[in-house]
Amino acid sequence: MTEQEEEALHIIQTHRQGILQSELWKELNIDSRKCSRIVKRLLDAGLIERIEYRSDGIRTYLLRAKTRAIDPSLILAGGEILPCIGCERECVPEECSLLLDWMYQLVLEEYQG
């Protein structure tokens, strides 16, 4: 991925509701043709989605980053899910006994595996 493609993807990802393609090329400080080629490469790579958008009779596209599924192995240890998911405690991660126990299980699995 080129530096401009990475920058474009980052901009798209930071706009959770999406960004208009006509605004993206302005933020990247490039012309609309170059932006279209970058958008096409990001679409072909499956990193973004493009939705037709009309405003005052002008057609453009709304660009949104696609969300990727989380690898379950990243949130499981010892058959237990990461305790921080859904946790309502207000704690300091470095001092959370639930998190430390979970991390210990993760290390054991890695060591034994």
PDB file of N, CA and C in Angstrom:
ATOM      1  N   MET A   1       0.848  -1.172   0.000  1.00  0.00           N
ATOM      2  CA  MET A   1       0.000   0.000   0.000  1.00  0.00           C
ATOM      3  C   MET A   1       0.895   1.236   0.000  1.00  0.00           C
ATOM      4  N   THR A   2       0.551   2.191  -0.843  1.00  0.00           N
ATOM      5  CA  THR A   2       1.351   3.404  -0.913  1.00  0.00           C
ATOM      6  C   THR A   2       1.070   4.295   0.298  1.00  0.00           C
ATOM      7  N   GLU A   3       1.941   5.267   0.475  1.00  0.00           N
ATOM      8  CA  GLU A   3       1.781   6.196   1.590  1.00  0.00           C
ATOM      9  C   GLU A   3       0.470   6.975   1.479  1.00  0.00           C
ATOM     10  N   GLN A   4       0.120   7.385   0.254  1.00  0.00           N
ATOM     11  CA  GLN A   4      -1.135   8.124   0.066  1.00  0.00           C
ATOM     12  C   GLN A   4      -2.351   7.227   0.319  1.00  0.00           C
ATOM     13  N   GLU A   5      -2.264   5.964  -0.058  1.00  0.00           N
ATOM     14  CA  GLU A   5      -3.360   5.033   0.210  1.00  0.00           C
ATOM     15  C   GLU A   5      -3.524   4.838   1.716  1.00  0.00           C
ATOM     16  N   GLU A   6      -2.412   4.721   2.426  1.00  0.00           N
ATOM     17  CA  GLU A   6      -2.472   4.584   3.880  1.00  0.00           C
ATOM     18  C   GLU A   6      -3.069   5.832   4.514  1.00  0.00           C
ATOM     19  N   GLU A   7      -2.678   7.000   4.017  1.00  0.00           N
ATOM     20  CA  GLU A   7      -3.210   8.251   4.552  1.00  0.00           C
ATOM     21  C   GLU A   7      -4.713   8.349   4.279  1.00  0.00           C
ATOM     22  N   ALA A   8      -5.125   7.971   3.058  1.00  0.00           N
ATOM     23  CA  ALA A   8      -6.546   8.002   2.703  1.00  0.00           C
ATOM     24  C   ALA A   8      -7.336   7.050   3.591  1.00  0.00           C
ATOM     25  N   LEU A   9      -6.824   5.853   3.795  1.00  0.00           N
ATOM     26  CA  LEU A   9      -7.506   4.883   4.643  1.00  0.00           C
ATOM     27  C   LEU A   9      -7.616   5.404   6.072  1.00  0.00           C
ATOM     28  N   HIS A  10      -6.562   6.019   6.560  1.00  0.00           N
ATOM     29  CA  HIS A  10      -6.586   6.578   7.915  1.00  0.00           C
ATOM     30  C   HIS A  10      -7.659   7.666   8.034  1.00  0.00           C
ATOM     31  N   ILE A  11      -7.736   8.530   7.055  1.00  0.00           N
ATOM     32  CA  ILE A  11      -8.750   9.592   7.068  1.00  0.00           C
ATOM     33  C   ILE A  11     -10.146   8.976   7.061  1.00  0.00           C
ATOM     34  N   ILE A  12     -10.357   7.992   6.204  1.00  0.00           N
ATOM     35  CA  ILE A  12     -11.669   7.332   6.128  1.00  0.00           C
ATOM     36  C   ILE A  12     -12.002   6.662   7.453  1.00  0.00           C
ATOM     37  N   GLN A  13     -11.026   6.004   8.069  1.00  0.00           N
ATOM     38  CA  GLN A  13     -11.263   5.323   9.341  1.00  0.00           C
ATOM     39  C   GLN A  13     -11.592   6.290  10.471  1.00  0.00           C
ATOM     40  N   THR A  14     -11.048   7.500  10.425  1.00  0.00           N
ATOM     41  CA  THR A  14     -11.298   8.458  11.492  1.00  0.00           C
ATOM     42  C   THR A  14     -12.677   9.112  11.382  1.00  0.00           C
ATOM     43  N   HIS A  15     -13.311   8.988  10.245  1.00  0.00           N
ATOM     44  CA  HIS A  15     -14.674   9.503  10.055  1.00  0.00           C
ATOM     45  C   HIS A  15     -15.630   8.319  10.188  1.00  0.00           C
ATOM     46  N   ARG A  16     -16.056   8.035  11.395  1.00  0.00           N
ATOM     47  CA  ARG A  16     -16.878   6.854  11.672  1.00  0.00           C
ATOM     48  C   ARG A  16     -18.147   6.778  10.827  1.00  0.00           C
ATOM     49  N   GLN A  17     -18.765   7.917  10.572  1.00  0.00           N
ATOM     50  CA  GLN A  17     -19.989   7.931   9.767  1.00  0.00           C
ATOM     51  C   GLN A  17     -19.685   7.946   8.272  1.00  0.00           C
ATOM     52  N   GLY A  18     -18.410   8.043   7.935  1.00  0.00           N
ATOM     53  CA  GLY A  18     -17.994   8.081   6.541  1.00  0.00           C
ATOM     54  C   GLY A  18     -17.583   9.489   6.131  1.00  0.00           C
ATOM     55  N   ILE A  19     -16.920   9.573   5.013  1.00  0.00           N
ATOM     56  CA  ILE A  19     -16.485  10.857   4.461  1.00  0.00           C
ATOM     57  C   ILE A  19     -16.839  10.858   2.983  1.00  0.00           C
ATOM     58  N   LEU A  20     -17.271  11.997   2.498  1.00  0.00           N
ATOM     59  CA  LEU A  20     -17.575  12.112   1.078  1.00  0.00           C
ATOM     60  C   LEU A  20     -16.279  12.066   0.280  1.00  0.00           C
ATOM     61  N   GLN A  21     -16.327  11.362  -0.855  1.00  0.00           N
ATOM     62  CA  GLN A  21     -15.133  11.270  -1.687  1.00  0.00           C
ATOM     63  C   GLN A  21     -14.695  12.663  -2.133  1.00  0.00           C
ATOM     64  N   SER A  22     -15.660  13.540  -2.357  1.00  0.00           N
ATOM     65  CA  SER A  22     -15.334  14.911  -2.766  1.00  0.00           C
ATOM     66  C   SER A  22     -14.617  15.688  -1.669  1.00  0.00           C
ATOM     67  N   GLU A  23     -14.752  15.263  -0.431  1.00  0.00           N
ATOM     68  CA  GLU A  23     -14.017  15.888   0.682  1.00  0.00           C
ATOM     69  C   GLU A  23     -12.664  15.212   0.886  1.00  0.00           C
ATOM     70  N   LEU A  24     -12.615  13.913   0.617  1.00  0.00           N
ATOM     71  CA  LEU A  24     -11.366  13.171   0.816  1.00  0.00           C
ATOM     72  C   LEU A  24     -10.246  13.734  -0.039  1.00  0.00           C
ATOM     73  N   TRP A  25     -10.507  13.988  -1.315  1.00  0.00           N
ATOM     74  CA  TRP A  25      -9.413  14.479  -2.161  1.00  0.00           C
ATOM     75  C   TRP A  25      -8.949  15.854  -1.734  1.00  0.00           C
ATOM     76  N   LYS A  26      -9.849  16.625  -1.128  1.00  0.00           N
ATOM     77  CA  LYS A  26      -9.436  17.936  -0.618  1.00  0.00           C
ATOM     78  C   LYS A  26      -8.539  17.775   0.613  1.00  0.00           C
ATOM     79  N   GLU A  27      -8.903  16.834   1.481  1.00  0.00           N
ATOM     80  CA  GLU A  27      -8.074  16.594   2.677  1.00  0.00           C
ATOM     81  C   GLU A  27      -6.706  16.039   2.313  1.00  0.00           C
ATOM     82  N   LEU A  28      -6.663  15.232   1.257  1.00  0.00           N
ATOM     83  CA  LEU A  28      -5.387  14.664   0.814  1.00  0.00           C
ATOM     84  C   LEU A  28      -4.568  15.653  -0.015  1.00  0.00           C
ATOM     85  N   ASN A  29      -5.220  16.754  -0.418  1.00  0.00           N
ATOM     86  CA  ASN A  29      -4.580  17.769  -1.248  1.00  0.00           C
ATOM     87  C   ASN A  29      -4.105  17.192  -2.587  1.00  0.00           C
ATOM     88  N   ILE A  30      -5.026  16.411  -3.209  1.00  0.00           N
ATOM     89  CA  ILE A  30      -4.757  15.825  -4.522  1.00  0.00           C
ATOM     90  C   ILE A  30      -5.973  16.101  -5.405  1.00  0.00           C
ATOM     91  N   ASP A  31      -5.840  15.836  -6.717  1.00  0.00           N
ATOM     92  CA  ASP A  31      -6.980  16.055  -7.604  1.00  0.00           C
ATOM     93  C   ASP A  31      -7.952  14.873  -7.512  1.00  0.00           C
ATOM     94  N   SER A  32      -9.152  15.097  -8.028  1.00  0.00           N
ATOM     95  CA  SER A  32     -10.213  14.090  -7.906  1.00  0.00           C
ATOM     96  C   SER A  32      -9.884  12.799  -8.657  1.00  0.00           C
ATOM     97  N   ARG A  33      -9.174  12.893  -9.777  1.00  0.00           N
ATOM     98  CA  ARG A  33      -8.798  11.681 -10.528  1.00  0.00           C
ATOM     99  C   ARG A  33      -7.865  10.779  -9.723  1.00  0.00           C
ATOM    100  N   LYS A  34      -6.858  11.393  -9.128  1.00  0.00           N
ATOM    101  CA  LYS A  34      -5.912  10.614  -8.328  1.00  0.00           C
ATOM    102  C   LYS A  34      -6.644   9.986  -7.136  1.00  0.00           C
ATOM    103  N   CYS A  35      -7.558  10.752  -6.539  1.00  0.00           N
ATOM    104  CA  CYS A  35      -8.330  10.244  -5.414  1.00  0.00           C
ATOM    105  C   CYS A  35      -9.172   9.041  -5.854  1.00  0.00           C
ATOM    106  N   SER A  36      -9.768   9.122  -7.040  1.00  0.00           N
ATOM    107  CA  SER A  36     -10.579   8.011  -7.550  1.00  0.00           C
ATOM    108  C   SER A  36      -9.757   6.740  -7.699  1.00  0.00           C
ATOM    109  N   ARG A  37      -8.517   6.884  -8.154  1.00  0.00           N
ATOM    110  CA  ARG A  37      -7.646   5.700  -8.300  1.00  0.00           C
ATOM    111  C   ARG A  37      -7.301   5.110  -6.936  1.00  0.00           C
ATOM    112  N   ILE A  38      -7.043   5.977  -5.950  1.00  0.00           N
ATOM    113  CA  ILE A  38      -6.739   5.503  -4.591  1.00  0.00           C
ATOM    114  C   ILE A  38      -7.954   4.788  -4.011  1.00  0.00           C
ATOM    115  N   VAL A  39      -9.128   5.400  -4.178  1.00  0.00           N
ATOM    116  CA  VAL A  39     -10.364   4.794  -3.667  1.00  0.00           C
ATOM    117  C   VAL A  39     -10.593   3.435  -4.315  1.00  0.00           C
ATOM    118  N   LYS A  40     -10.367   3.325  -5.607  1.00  0.00           N
ATOM    119  CA  LYS A  40     -10.543   2.046  -6.310  1.00  0.00           C
ATOM    120  C   LYS A  40      -9.637   0.971  -5.727  1.00  0.00           C
ATOM    121  N   ARG A  41      -8.386   1.323  -5.455  1.00  0.00           N
ATOM    122  CA  ARG A  41      -7.461   0.332  -4.891  1.00  0.00           C
ATOM    123  C   ARG A  41      -7.905  -0.091  -3.486  1.00  0.00           C
ATOM    124  N   LEU A  42      -8.402   0.857  -2.690  1.00  0.00           N
ATOM    125  CA  LEU A  42      -8.887   0.512  -1.349  1.00  0.00           C
ATOM    126  C   LEU A  42     -10.146  -0.348  -1.432  1.00  0.00           C
ATOM    127  N   LEU A  43     -11.006  -0.061  -2.413  1.00  0.00           N
ATOM    128  CA  LEU A  43     -12.199  -0.890  -2.630  1.00  0.00           C
ATOM    129  C   LEU A  43     -11.806  -2.298  -3.047  1.00  0.00           C
ATOM    130  N   ASP A  44     -10.892  -2.397  -4.015  1.00  0.00           N
ATOM    131  CA  ASP A  44     -10.440  -3.701  -4.513  1.00  0.00           C
ATOM    132  C   ASP A  44      -9.793  -4.534  -3.413  1.00  0.00           C
ATOM    133  N   ALA A  45      -9.158  -3.855  -2.455  1.00  0.00           N
ATOM    134  CA  ALA A  45      -8.521  -4.566  -1.340  1.00  0.00           C
ATOM    135  C   ALA A  45      -9.535  -4.935  -0.253  1.00  0.00           C
ATOM    136  N   GLY A  46     -10.776  -4.478  -0.415  1.00  0.00           N
ATOM    137  CA  GLY A  46     -11.813  -4.800   0.557  1.00  0.00           C
ATOM    138  C   GLY A  46     -11.706  -4.030   1.861  1.00  0.00           C
ATOM    139  N   LEU A  47     -11.020  -2.891   1.836  1.00  0.00           N
ATOM    140  CA  LEU A  47     -10.799  -2.118   3.058  1.00  0.00           C
ATOM    141  C   LEU A  47     -11.878  -1.079   3.318  1.00  0.00           C
ATOM    142  N   ILE A  48     -12.575  -0.673   2.243  1.00  0.00           N
ATOM    143  CA  ILE A  48     -13.613   0.355   2.393  1.00  0.00           C
ATOM    144  C   ILE A  48     -14.846  -0.048   1.597  1.00  0.00           C
ATOM    145  N   GLU A  49     -15.943   0.661   1.871  1.00  0.00           N
ATOM    146  CA  GLU A  49     -17.136   0.519   1.063  1.00  0.00           C
ATOM    147  C   GLU A  49     -17.507   1.899   0.536  1.00  0.00           C
ATOM    148  N   ARG A  50     -18.191   1.912  -0.615  1.00  0.00           N
ATOM    149  CA  ARG A  50     -18.552   3.179  -1.265  1.00  0.00           C
ATOM    150  C   ARG A  50     -20.060   3.166  -1.518  1.00  0.00           C
ATOM    151  N   ILE A  51     -20.729   4.205  -1.038  1.00  0.00           N
ATOM    152  CA  ILE A  51     -22.176   4.306  -1.152  1.00  0.00           C
ATOM    153  C   ILE A  51     -22.498   5.575  -1.937  1.00  0.00           C
ATOM    154  N   GLU A  52     -23.337   5.430  -2.969  1.00  0.00           N
ATOM    155  CA  GLU A  52     -23.702   6.607  -3.764  1.00  0.00           C
ATOM    156  C   GLU A  52     -24.420   7.617  -2.880  1.00  0.00           C
ATOM    157  N   TYR A  53     -24.094   8.877  -3.071  1.00  0.00           N
ATOM    158  CA  TYR A  53     -24.617   9.953  -2.237  1.00  0.00           C
ATOM    159  C   TYR A  53     -24.940  11.140  -3.138  1.00  0.00           C
ATOM    160  N   ARG A  54     -26.146  11.683  -2.997  1.00  0.00           N
ATOM    161  CA  ARG A  54     -26.533  12.857  -3.786  1.00  0.00           C
ATOM    162  C   ARG A  54     -26.870  14.011  -2.853  1.00  0.00           C
ATOM    163  N   SER A  55     -26.352  15.159  -3.201  1.00  0.00           N
ATOM    164  CA  SER A  55     -26.623  16.374  -2.432  1.00  0.00           C
ATOM    165  C   SER A  55     -26.812  17.514  -3.415  1.00  0.00           C
ATOM    166  N   ASP A  56     -27.961  18.139  -3.374  1.00  0.00           N
ATOM    167  CA  ASP A  56     -28.285  19.243  -4.288  1.00  0.00           C
ATOM    168  C   ASP A  56     -28.083  18.847  -5.752  1.00  0.00           C
ATOM    169  N   GLY A  57     -28.456  17.621  -6.087  1.00  0.00           N
ATOM    170  CA  GLY A  57     -28.348  17.146  -7.466  1.00  0.00           C
ATOM    171  C   GLY A  57     -26.953  16.739  -7.885  1.00  0.00           C
ATOM    172  N   ILE A  58     -25.988  16.858  -6.992  1.00  0.00           N
ATOM    173  CA  ILE A  58     -24.610  16.486  -7.311  1.00  0.00           C
ATOM    174  C   ILE A  58     -24.342  15.092  -6.744  1.00  0.00           C
ATOM    175  N   ARG A  59     -23.792  14.228  -7.591  1.00  0.00           N
ATOM    176  CA  ARG A  59     -23.515  12.867  -7.169  1.00  0.00           C
ATOM    177  C   ARG A  59     -22.067  12.737  -6.712  1.00  0.00           C
ATOM    178  N   THR A  60     -21.910  12.128  -5.560  1.00  0.00           N
ATOM    179  CA  THR A  60     -20.580  11.786  -5.057  1.00  0.00           C
ATOM    180  C   THR A  60     -20.747  10.456  -4.327  1.00  0.00           C
ATOM    181  N   TYR A  61     -19.757  10.071  -3.560  1.00  0.00           N
ATOM    182  CA  TYR A  61     -19.830   8.812  -2.830  1.00  0.00           C
ATOM    183  C   TYR A  61     -19.445   9.033  -1.379  1.00  0.00           C
ATOM    184  N   LEU A  62     -20.126   8.314  -0.516  1.00  0.00           N
ATOM    185  CA  LEU A  62     -19.772   8.278   0.895  1.00  0.00           C
ATOM    186  C   LEU A  62     -18.852   7.079   1.077  1.00  0.00           C
ATOM    187  N   LEU A  63     -17.706   7.305   1.664  1.00  0.00           N
ATOM    188  CA  LEU A  63     -16.717   6.247   1.864  1.00  0.00           C
ATOM    189  C   LEU A  63     -16.665   5.885   3.338  1.00  0.00           C
ATOM    190  N   ARG A  64     -16.714   4.601   3.617  1.00  0.00           N
ATOM    191  CA  ARG A  64     -16.616   4.114   4.997  1.00  0.00           C
ATOM    192  C   ARG A  64     -15.631   2.962   5.061  1.00  0.00           C
ATOM    193  N   ALA A  65     -14.904   2.929   6.162  1.00  0.00           N
ATOM    194  CA  ALA A  65     -13.980   1.807   6.385  1.00  0.00           C
ATOM    195  C   ALA A  65     -14.797   0.579   6.753  1.00  0.00           C
ATOM    196  N   LYS A  66     -14.406  -0.562   6.223  1.00  0.00           N
ATOM    197  CA  LYS A  66     -15.053  -1.807   6.594  1.00  0.00           C
ATOM    198  C   LYS A  66     -14.484  -2.259   7.927  1.00  0.00           C
ATOM    199  N   THR A  67     -15.342  -2.808   8.745  1.00  0.00           N
ATOM    200  CA  THR A  67     -14.866  -3.340  10.019  1.00  0.00           C
ATOM    201  C   THR A  67     -14.424  -4.773   9.800  1.00  0.00           C
ATOM    202  N   ARG A  68     -13.380  -5.126  10.466  1.00  0.00           N
ATOM    203  CA  ARG A  68     -12.855  -6.491  10.350  1.00  0.00           C
ATOM    204  C   ARG A  68     -13.253  -7.285  11.576  1.00  0.00           C
ATOM    205  N   ALA A  69     -13.536  -8.534  11.344  1.00  0.00           N
ATOM    206  CA  ALA A  69     -13.876  -9.412  12.461  1.00  0.00           C
ATOM    207  C   ALA A  69     -12.646  -9.608  13.339  1.00  0.00           C
ATOM    208  N   ILE A  70     -12.881  -9.672  14.627  1.00  0.00           N
ATOM    209  CA  ILE A  70     -11.789  -9.883  15.578  1.00  0.00           C
ATOM    210  C   ILE A  70     -11.466 -11.372  15.631  1.00  0.00           C
ATOM    211  N   ASP A  71     -10.208 -11.678  15.599  1.00  0.00           N
ATOM    212  CA  ASP A  71      -9.763 -13.062  15.751  1.00  0.00           C
ATOM    213  C   ASP A  71     -10.064 -13.482  17.187  1.00  0.00           C
ATOM    214  N   PRO A  72     -10.941 -14.482  17.382  1.00  0.00           N
ATOM    215  CA  PRO A  72     -11.320 -14.880  18.740  1.00  0.00           C
ATOM    216  C   PRO A  72     -10.135 -15.256  19.626  1.00  0.00           C
ATOM    217  N   SER A  73      -9.067 -15.742  19.033  1.00  0.00           N
ATOM    218  CA  SER A  73      -7.918 -16.128  19.852  1.00  0.00           C
ATOM    219  C   SER A  73      -7.280 -14.926  20.540  1.00  0.00           C
ATOM    220  N   LEU A  74      -7.572 -13.719  20.041  1.00  0.00           N
ATOM    221  CA  LEU A  74      -7.006 -12.522  20.650  1.00  0.00           C
ATOM    222  C   LEU A  74      -7.719 -12.110  21.931  1.00  0.00           C
ATOM    223  N   ILE A  75      -8.928 -12.644  22.148  1.00  0.00           N
ATOM    224  CA  ILE A  75      -9.678 -12.273  23.351  1.00  0.00           C
ATOM    225  C   ILE A  75      -9.993 -13.486  24.229  1.00  0.00           C
ATOM    226  N   LEU A  76      -9.375 -14.637  23.918  1.00  0.00           N
ATOM    227  CA  LEU A  76      -9.585 -15.848  24.711  1.00  0.00           C
ATOM    228  C   LEU A  76      -8.281 -16.317  25.330  1.00  0.00           C
ATOM    229  N   ALA A  77      -8.368 -16.750  26.561  1.00  0.00           N
ATOM    230  CA  ALA A  77      -7.221 -17.371  27.235  1.00  0.00           C
ATOM    231  C   ALA A  77      -7.791 -18.337  28.262  1.00  0.00           C
ATOM    232  N   GLY A  78      -7.290 -19.571  28.237  1.00  0.00           N
ATOM    233  CA  GLY A  78      -7.792 -20.572  29.169  1.00  0.00           C
ATOM    234  C   GLY A  78      -9.277 -20.812  28.985  1.00  0.00           C
ATOM    235  N   GLY A  79      -9.766 -20.627  27.732  1.00  0.00           N
ATOM    236  CA  GLY A  79     -11.179 -20.816  27.459  1.00  0.00           C
ATOM    237  C   GLY A  79     -12.044 -19.687  27.986  1.00  0.00           C
ATOM    238  N   GLU A  80     -11.425 -18.641  28.488  1.00  0.00           N
ATOM    239  CA  GLU A  80     -12.176 -17.517  29.047  1.00  0.00           C
ATOM    240  C   GLU A  80     -11.964 -16.276  28.198  1.00  0.00           C
ATOM    241  N   ILE A  81     -13.028 -15.528  28.028  1.00  0.00           N
ATOM    242  CA  ILE A  81     -12.975 -14.303  27.245  1.00  0.00           C
ATOM    243  C   ILE A  81     -12.318 -13.187  28.063  1.00  0.00           C
ATOM    244  N   LEU A  82     -11.691 -12.267  27.389  1.00  0.00           N
ATOM    245  CA  LEU A  82     -11.049 -11.115  28.028  1.00  0.00           C
ATOM    246  C   LEU A  82     -12.031 -10.476  29.011  1.00  0.00           C
ATOM    247  N   PRO A  83     -11.671 -10.389  30.281  1.00  0.00           N
ATOM    248  CA  PRO A  83     -12.615  -9.905  31.284  1.00  0.00           C
ATOM    249  C   PRO A  83     -13.004  -8.432  31.123  1.00  0.00           C
ATOM    250  N   CYS A  84     -12.251  -7.673  30.377  1.00  0.00           N
ATOM    251  CA  CYS A  84     -12.550  -6.250  30.202  1.00  0.00           C
ATOM    252  C   CYS A  84     -13.765  -6.024  29.298  1.00  0.00           C
ATOM    253  N   ILE A  85     -14.091  -7.017  28.475  1.00  0.00           N
ATOM    254  CA  ILE A  85     -15.233  -6.879  27.576  1.00  0.00           C
ATOM    255  C   ILE A  85     -16.506  -6.913  28.409  1.00  0.00           C
ATOM    256  N   GLY A  86     -17.206  -5.833  28.395  1.00  0.00           N
ATOM    257  CA  GLY A  86     -18.445  -5.721  29.156  1.00  0.00           C
ATOM    258  C   GLY A  86     -18.252  -5.401  30.633  1.00  0.00           C
ATOM    259  N   CYS A  87     -17.014  -5.228  31.057  1.00  0.00           N
ATOM    260  CA  CYS A  87     -16.738  -4.939  32.468  1.00  0.00           C
ATOM    261  C   CYS A  87     -17.160  -3.507  32.797  1.00  0.00           C
ATOM    262  N   GLU A  88     -17.812  -3.353  33.929  1.00  0.00           N
ATOM    263  CA  GLU A  88     -18.251  -2.019  34.340  1.00  0.00           C
ATOM    264  C   GLU A  88     -17.429  -1.469  35.502  1.00  0.00           C
ATOM    265  N   ARG A  89     -16.421  -2.206  35.913  1.00  0.00           N
ATOM    266  CA  ARG A  89     -15.560  -1.722  36.993  1.00  0.00           C
ATOM    267  C   ARG A  89     -14.743  -0.538  36.517  1.00  0.00           C
ATOM    268  N   GLU A  90     -14.460   0.350  37.413  1.00  0.00           N
ATOM    269  CA  GLU A  90     -13.555   1.458  37.103  1.00  0.00           C
ATOM    270  C   GLU A  90     -12.242   1.149  37.802  1.00  0.00           C
ATOM    271  N   CYS A  91     -11.341   0.520  37.046  1.00  0.00           N
ATOM    272  CA  CYS A  91     -10.088   0.105  37.661  1.00  0.00           C
ATOM    273  C   CYS A  91      -8.908   0.526  36.804  1.00  0.00           C
ATOM    274  N   VAL A  92      -7.757   0.326  37.335  1.00  0.00           N
ATOM    275  CA  VAL A  92      -6.513   0.572  36.613  1.00  0.00           C
ATOM    276  C   VAL A  92      -6.081  -0.778  36.041  1.00  0.00           C
ATOM    277  N   PRO A  93      -5.947  -0.889  34.718  1.00  0.00           N
ATOM    278  CA  PRO A  93      -5.617  -2.186  34.120  1.00  0.00           C
ATOM    279  C   PRO A  93      -4.416  -2.885  34.757  1.00  0.00           C
ATOM    280  N   GLU A  94      -3.398  -2.117  35.123  1.00  0.00           N
ATOM    281  CA  GLU A  94      -2.193  -2.714  35.715  1.00  0.00           C
ATOM    282  C   GLU A  94      -2.467  -3.335  37.078  1.00  0.00           C
ATOM    283  N   GLU A  95      -3.590  -2.986  37.708  1.00  0.00           N
ATOM    284  CA  GLU A  95      -3.903  -3.481  39.052  1.00  0.00           C
ATOM    285  C   GLU A  95      -5.149  -4.360  39.098  1.00  0.00           C
ATOM    286  N   CYS A  96      -5.766  -4.610  37.951  1.00  0.00           N
ATOM    287  CA  CYS A  96      -7.008  -5.392  37.901  1.00  0.00           C
ATOM    288  C   CYS A  96      -6.689  -6.879  38.046  1.00  0.00           C
ATOM    289  N   SER A  97      -7.183  -7.483  39.115  1.00  0.00           N
ATOM    290  CA  SER A  97      -6.896  -8.904  39.364  1.00  0.00           C
ATOM    291  C   SER A  97      -7.533  -9.788  38.294  1.00  0.00           C
ATOM    292  N   LEU A  98      -8.705  -9.434  37.803  1.00  0.00           N
ATOM    293  CA  LEU A  98      -9.353 -10.231  36.746  1.00  0.00           C
ATOM    294  C   LEU A  98      -8.509 -10.223  35.471  1.00  0.00           C
ATOM    295  N   LEU A  99      -8.025  -9.066  35.100  1.00  0.00           N
ATOM    296  CA  LEU A  99      -7.205  -8.951  33.895  1.00  0.00           C
ATOM    297  C   LEU A  99      -5.863  -9.649  34.073  1.00  0.00           C
ATOM    298  N   LEU A 100      -5.241  -9.480  35.235  1.00  0.00           N
ATOM    299  CA  LEU A 100      -3.946 -10.128  35.486  1.00  0.00           C
ATOM    300  C   LEU A 100      -4.069 -11.642  35.462  1.00  0.00           C
ATOM    301  N   ASP A 101      -5.141 -12.194  36.042  1.00  0.00           N
ATOM    302  CA  ASP A 101      -5.364 -13.646  35.989  1.00  0.00           C
ATOM    303  C   ASP A 101      -5.555 -14.118  34.554  1.00  0.00           C
ATOM    304  N   TRP A 102      -6.315 -13.350  33.783  1.00  0.00           N
ATOM    305  CA  TRP A 102      -6.553 -13.709  32.387  1.00  0.00           C
ATOM    306  C   TRP A 102      -5.242 -13.698  31.598  1.00  0.00           C
ATOM    307  N   MET A 103      -4.423 -12.676  31.838  1.00  0.00           N
ATOM    308  CA  MET A 103      -3.126 -12.581  31.153  1.00  0.00           C
ATOM    309  C   MET A 103      -2.203 -13.726  31.555  1.00  0.00           C
ATOM    310  N   TYR A 104      -2.269 -14.120  32.808  1.00  0.00           N
ATOM    311  CA  TYR A 104      -1.466 -15.250  33.288  1.00  0.00           C
ATOM    312  C   TYR A 104      -1.868 -16.521  32.525  1.00  0.00           C
ATOM    313  N   GLN A 105      -3.169 -16.720  32.329  1.00  0.00           N
ATOM    314  CA  GLN A 105      -3.643 -17.879  31.556  1.00  0.00           C
ATOM    315  C   GLN A 105      -3.128 -17.823  30.120  1.00  0.00           C
ATOM    316  N   LEU A 106      -3.099 -16.640  29.554  1.00  0.00           N
ATOM    317  CA  LEU A 106      -2.608 -16.460  28.193  1.00  0.00           C
ATOM    318  C   LEU A 106      -1.139 -16.851  28.090  1.00  0.00           C
ATOM    319  N   VAL A 107      -0.355 -16.432  29.062  1.00  0.00           N
ATOM    320  CA  VAL A 107       1.070 -16.756  29.079  1.00  0.00           C
ATOM    321  C   VAL A 107       1.266 -18.261  29.248  1.00  0.00           C
ATOM    322  N   LEU A 108       0.471 -18.859  30.126  1.00  0.00           N
ATOM    323  CA  LEU A 108       0.576 -20.320  30.315  1.00  0.00           C
ATOM    324  C   LEU A 108       0.268 -21.073  29.033  1.00  0.00           C
ATOM    325  N   GLU A 109      -0.773 -20.652  28.337  1.00  0.00           N
ATOM    326  CA  GLU A 109      -1.127 -21.305  27.065  1.00  0.00           C
ATOM    327  C   GLU A 109       0.002 -21.171  26.064  1.00  0.00           C
ATOM    328  N   GLU A 110       0.586 -19.990  25.987  1.00  0.00           N
ATOM    329  CA  GLU A 110       1.679 -19.754  25.047  1.00  0.00           C
ATOM    330  C   GLU A 110       2.889 -20.600  25.424  1.00  0.00           C
ATOM    331  N   TYR A 111       3.185 -20.690  26.695  1.00  0.00           N
ATOM    332  CA  TYR A 111       4.339 -21.454  27.170  1.00  0.00           C
ATOM    333  C   TYR A 111       4.130 -22.959  26.945  1.00  0.00           C
ATOM    334  N   GLN A 112       2.928 -23.442  27.197  1.00  0.00           N
ATOM    335  CA  GLN A 112       2.633 -24.870  27.053  1.00  0.00           C
ATOM    336  C   GLN A 112       2.425 -25.266  25.606  1.00  0.00           C
ATOM    337  N   GLY A 113       2.033 -24.302  24.771  1.00  0.00           N
ATOM    338  CA  GLY A 113       1.718 -24.600  23.350  1.00  0.00           C
ATOM    339  C   GLY A 113       2.944 -24.702  22.556  1.00  0.00           C
TER     340      GLY A 113
END
